[in-house]
Amino acid sequence: MERVRVFVEEMCEIGRPPSLRQIGRLAKTLRATGRDLLI
């Protein structure tokens, strides 16, 4: 879930922290597409 962590950090740096719902959706999408295997 490294990509999720990086996304959250980048969004926080620009002053737009994602909601927990957004983080959950991103993680779910990565798992569904098999992209978590690349992390």
PDB file of N, CA and C in Angstrom:
ATOM      1  N   MET A   1       0.821  -1.189   0.000  1.00  0.00           N
ATOM      2  CA  MET A   1       0.000   0.000   0.000  1.00  0.00           C
ATOM      3  C   MET A   1       0.870   1.260   0.000  1.00  0.00           C
ATOM      4  N   GLU A   2       2.058   1.094  -0.493  1.00  0.00           N
ATOM      5  CA  GLU A   2       2.989   2.225  -0.581  1.00  0.00           C
ATOM      6  C   GLU A   2       2.404   3.363  -1.415  1.00  0.00           C
ATOM      7  N   ARG A   3       1.715   3.015  -2.490  1.00  0.00           N
ATOM      8  CA  ARG A   3       1.130   4.065  -3.346  1.00  0.00           C
ATOM      9  C   ARG A   3       0.088   4.883  -2.592  1.00  0.00           C
ATOM     10  N   VAL A   4      -0.669   4.236  -1.757  1.00  0.00           N
ATOM     11  CA  VAL A   4      -1.674   4.942  -0.962  1.00  0.00           C
ATOM     12  C   VAL A   4      -0.980   5.919  -0.018  1.00  0.00           C
ATOM     13  N   ARG A   5       0.076   5.461   0.637  1.00  0.00           N
ATOM     14  CA  ARG A   5       0.827   6.316   1.567  1.00  0.00           C
ATOM     15  C   ARG A   5       1.391   7.529   0.851  1.00  0.00           C
ATOM     16  N   VAL A   6       1.982   7.310  -0.313  1.00  0.00           N
ATOM     17  CA  VAL A   6       2.563   8.417  -1.080  1.00  0.00           C
ATOM     18  C   VAL A   6       1.474   9.402  -1.491  1.00  0.00           C
ATOM     19  N   PHE A   7       0.346   8.887  -1.943  1.00  0.00           N
ATOM     20  CA  PHE A   7      -0.768   9.750  -2.339  1.00  0.00           C
ATOM     21  C   PHE A   7      -1.219  10.627  -1.171  1.00  0.00           C
ATOM     22  N   VAL A   8      -1.395  10.012  -0.009  1.00  0.00           N
ATOM     23  CA  VAL A   8      -1.847  10.762   1.169  1.00  0.00           C
ATOM     24  C   VAL A   8      -0.826  11.831   1.543  1.00  0.00           C
ATOM     25  N   GLU A   9       0.446  11.473   1.548  1.00  0.00           N
ATOM     26  CA  GLU A   9       1.486  12.454   1.882  1.00  0.00           C
ATOM     27  C   GLU A   9       1.491  13.624   0.902  1.00  0.00           C
ATOM     28  N   GLU A  10       1.402  13.325  -0.387  1.00  0.00           N
ATOM     29  CA  GLU A  10       1.421  14.393  -1.396  1.00  0.00           C
ATOM     30  C   GLU A  10       0.214  15.312  -1.258  1.00  0.00           C
ATOM     31  N   MET A  11      -0.950  14.744  -1.016  1.00  0.00           N
ATOM     32  CA  MET A  11      -2.150  15.559  -0.868  1.00  0.00           C
ATOM     33  C   MET A  11      -2.056  16.438   0.383  1.00  0.00           C
ATOM     34  N   CYS A  12      -1.499  15.903   1.457  1.00  0.00           N
ATOM     35  CA  CYS A  12      -1.341  16.689   2.684  1.00  0.00           C
ATOM     36  C   CYS A  12      -0.360  17.836   2.474  1.00  0.00           C
ATOM     37  N   GLU A  13       0.690  17.582   1.712  1.00  0.00           N
ATOM     38  CA  GLU A  13       1.690  18.618   1.457  1.00  0.00           C
ATOM     39  C   GLU A  13       1.108  19.819   0.717  1.00  0.00           C
ATOM     40  N   ILE A  14       0.134  19.569  -0.153  1.00  0.00           N
ATOM     41  CA  ILE A  14      -0.454  20.686  -0.906  1.00  0.00           C
ATOM     42  C   ILE A  14      -1.680  21.259  -0.200  1.00  0.00           C
ATOM     43  N   GLY A  15      -1.945  20.747   1.005  1.00  0.00           N
ATOM     44  CA  GLY A  15      -3.048  21.308   1.785  1.00  0.00           C
ATOM     45  C   GLY A  15      -4.414  20.739   1.492  1.00  0.00           C
ATOM     46  N   ARG A  16      -4.457  19.574   0.866  1.00  0.00           N
ATOM     47  CA  ARG A  16      -5.742  18.936   0.553  1.00  0.00           C
ATOM     48  C   ARG A  16      -5.747  17.485   1.020  1.00  0.00           C
ATOM     49  N   PRO A  17      -5.725  17.264   2.326  1.00  0.00           N
ATOM     50  CA  PRO A  17      -5.701  15.880   2.813  1.00  0.00           C
ATOM     51  C   PRO A  17      -6.944  15.114   2.365  1.00  0.00           C
ATOM     52  N   PRO A  18      -6.770  13.888   1.897  1.00  0.00           N
ATOM     53  CA  PRO A  18      -7.920  13.099   1.454  1.00  0.00           C
ATOM     54  C   PRO A  18      -8.725  12.599   2.650  1.00  0.00           C
ATOM     55  N   SER A  19      -9.985  12.350   2.397  1.00  0.00           N
ATOM     56  CA  SER A  19     -10.834  11.787   3.445  1.00  0.00           C
ATOM     57  C   SER A  19     -10.541  10.295   3.572  1.00  0.00           C
ATOM     58  N   LEU A  20     -10.971   9.714   4.671  1.00  0.00           N
ATOM     59  CA  LEU A  20     -10.801   8.275   4.841  1.00  0.00           C
ATOM     60  C   LEU A  20     -11.550   7.515   3.757  1.00  0.00           C
ATOM     61  N   ARG A  21     -12.668   8.048   3.322  1.00  0.00           N
ATOM     62  CA  ARG A  21     -13.430   7.420   2.235  1.00  0.00           C
ATOM     63  C   ARG A  21     -12.606   7.384   0.944  1.00  0.00           C
ATOM     64  N   GLN A  22     -11.937   8.475   0.624  1.00  0.00           N
ATOM     65  CA  GLN A  22     -11.099   8.510  -0.574  1.00  0.00           C
ATOM     66  C   GLN A  22      -9.948   7.512  -0.478  1.00  0.00           C
ATOM     67  N   ILE A  23      -9.335   7.445   0.681  1.00  0.00           N
ATOM     68  CA  ILE A  23      -8.232   6.510   0.880  1.00  0.00           C
ATOM     69  C   ILE A  23      -8.729   5.068   0.724  1.00  0.00           C
ATOM     70  N   GLY A  24      -9.873   4.780   1.298  1.00  0.00           N
ATOM     71  CA  GLY A  24     -10.453   3.443   1.175  1.00  0.00           C
ATOM     72  C   GLY A  24     -10.769   3.077  -0.259  1.00  0.00           C
ATOM     73  N   ARG A  25     -11.313   4.022  -0.998  1.00  0.00           N
ATOM     74  CA  ARG A  25     -11.629   3.773  -2.411  1.00  0.00           C
ATOM     75  C   ARG A  25     -10.368   3.517  -3.221  1.00  0.00           C
ATOM     76  N   LEU A  26      -9.338   4.297  -2.961  1.00  0.00           N
ATOM     77  CA  LEU A  26      -8.077   4.107  -3.674  1.00  0.00           C
ATOM     78  C   LEU A  26      -7.505   2.725  -3.389  1.00  0.00           C
ATOM     79  N   ALA A  27      -7.472   2.334  -2.126  1.00  0.00           N
ATOM     80  CA  ALA A  27      -6.951   1.022  -1.752  1.00  0.00           C
ATOM     81  C   ALA A  27      -7.785  -0.090  -2.396  1.00  0.00           C
ATOM     82  N   LYS A  28      -9.097   0.063  -2.389  1.00  0.00           N
ATOM     83  CA  LYS A  28      -9.982  -0.940  -2.978  1.00  0.00           C
ATOM     84  C   LYS A  28      -9.744  -1.056  -4.483  1.00  0.00           C
ATOM     85  N   THR A  29      -9.583   0.066  -5.148  1.00  0.00           N
ATOM     86  CA  THR A  29      -9.330   0.069  -6.587  1.00  0.00           C
ATOM     87  C   THR A  29      -7.999  -0.598  -6.908  1.00  0.00           C
ATOM     88  N   LEU A  30      -6.974  -0.273  -6.142  1.00  0.00           N
ATOM     89  CA  LEU A  30      -5.668  -0.891  -6.377  1.00  0.00           C
ATOM     90  C   LEU A  30      -5.735  -2.403  -6.193  1.00  0.00           C
ATOM     91  N   ARG A  31      -6.436  -2.856  -5.152  1.00  0.00           N
ATOM     92  CA  ARG A  31      -6.582  -4.294  -4.923  1.00  0.00           C
ATOM     93  C   ARG A  31      -7.359  -4.957  -6.053  1.00  0.00           C
ATOM     94  N   ALA A  32      -8.442  -4.312  -6.504  1.00  0.00           N
ATOM     95  CA  ALA A  32      -9.307  -4.887  -7.538  1.00  0.00           C
ATOM     96  C   ALA A  32      -8.594  -5.010  -8.879  1.00  0.00           C
ATOM     97  N   THR A  33      -7.684  -4.086  -9.148  1.00  0.00           N
ATOM     98  CA  THR A  33      -6.986  -4.110 -10.423  1.00  0.00           C
ATOM     99  C   THR A  33      -5.691  -4.908 -10.362  1.00  0.00           C
ATOM    100  N   GLY A  34      -5.354  -5.388  -9.172  1.00  0.00           N
ATOM    101  CA  GLY A  34      -4.133  -6.154  -9.018  1.00  0.00           C
ATOM    102  C   GLY A  34      -2.890  -5.294  -8.941  1.00  0.00           C
ATOM    103  N   ARG A  35      -3.071  -3.991  -8.872  1.00  0.00           N
ATOM    104  CA  ARG A  35      -1.919  -3.090  -8.837  1.00  0.00           C
ATOM    105  C   ARG A  35      -1.209  -3.085  -7.498  1.00  0.00           C
ATOM    106  N   ASP A  36      -1.860  -3.632  -6.478  1.00  0.00           N
ATOM    107  CA  ASP A  36      -1.170  -3.704  -5.198  1.00  0.00           C
ATOM    108  C   ASP A  36       0.001  -4.677  -5.272  1.00  0.00           C
ATOM    109  N   LEU A  37       0.012  -5.519  -6.289  1.00  0.00           N
ATOM    110  CA  LEU A  37       1.127  -6.446  -6.466  1.00  0.00           C
ATOM    111  C   LEU A  37       2.388  -5.715  -6.898  1.00  0.00           C
ATOM    112  N   LEU A  38       2.228  -4.538  -7.459  1.00  0.00           N
ATOM    113  CA  LEU A  38       3.359  -3.756  -7.917  1.00  0.00           C
ATOM    114  C   LEU A  38       3.959  -2.891  -6.831  1.00  0.00           C
ATOM    115  N   ILE A  39       3.285  -2.802  -5.711  1.00  0.00           N
ATOM    116  CA  ILE A  39       3.708  -1.914  -4.638  1.00  0.00           C
ATOM    117  C   ILE A  39       4.831  -2.537  -3.849  1.00  0.00           C
TER     118      ILE A  39
END
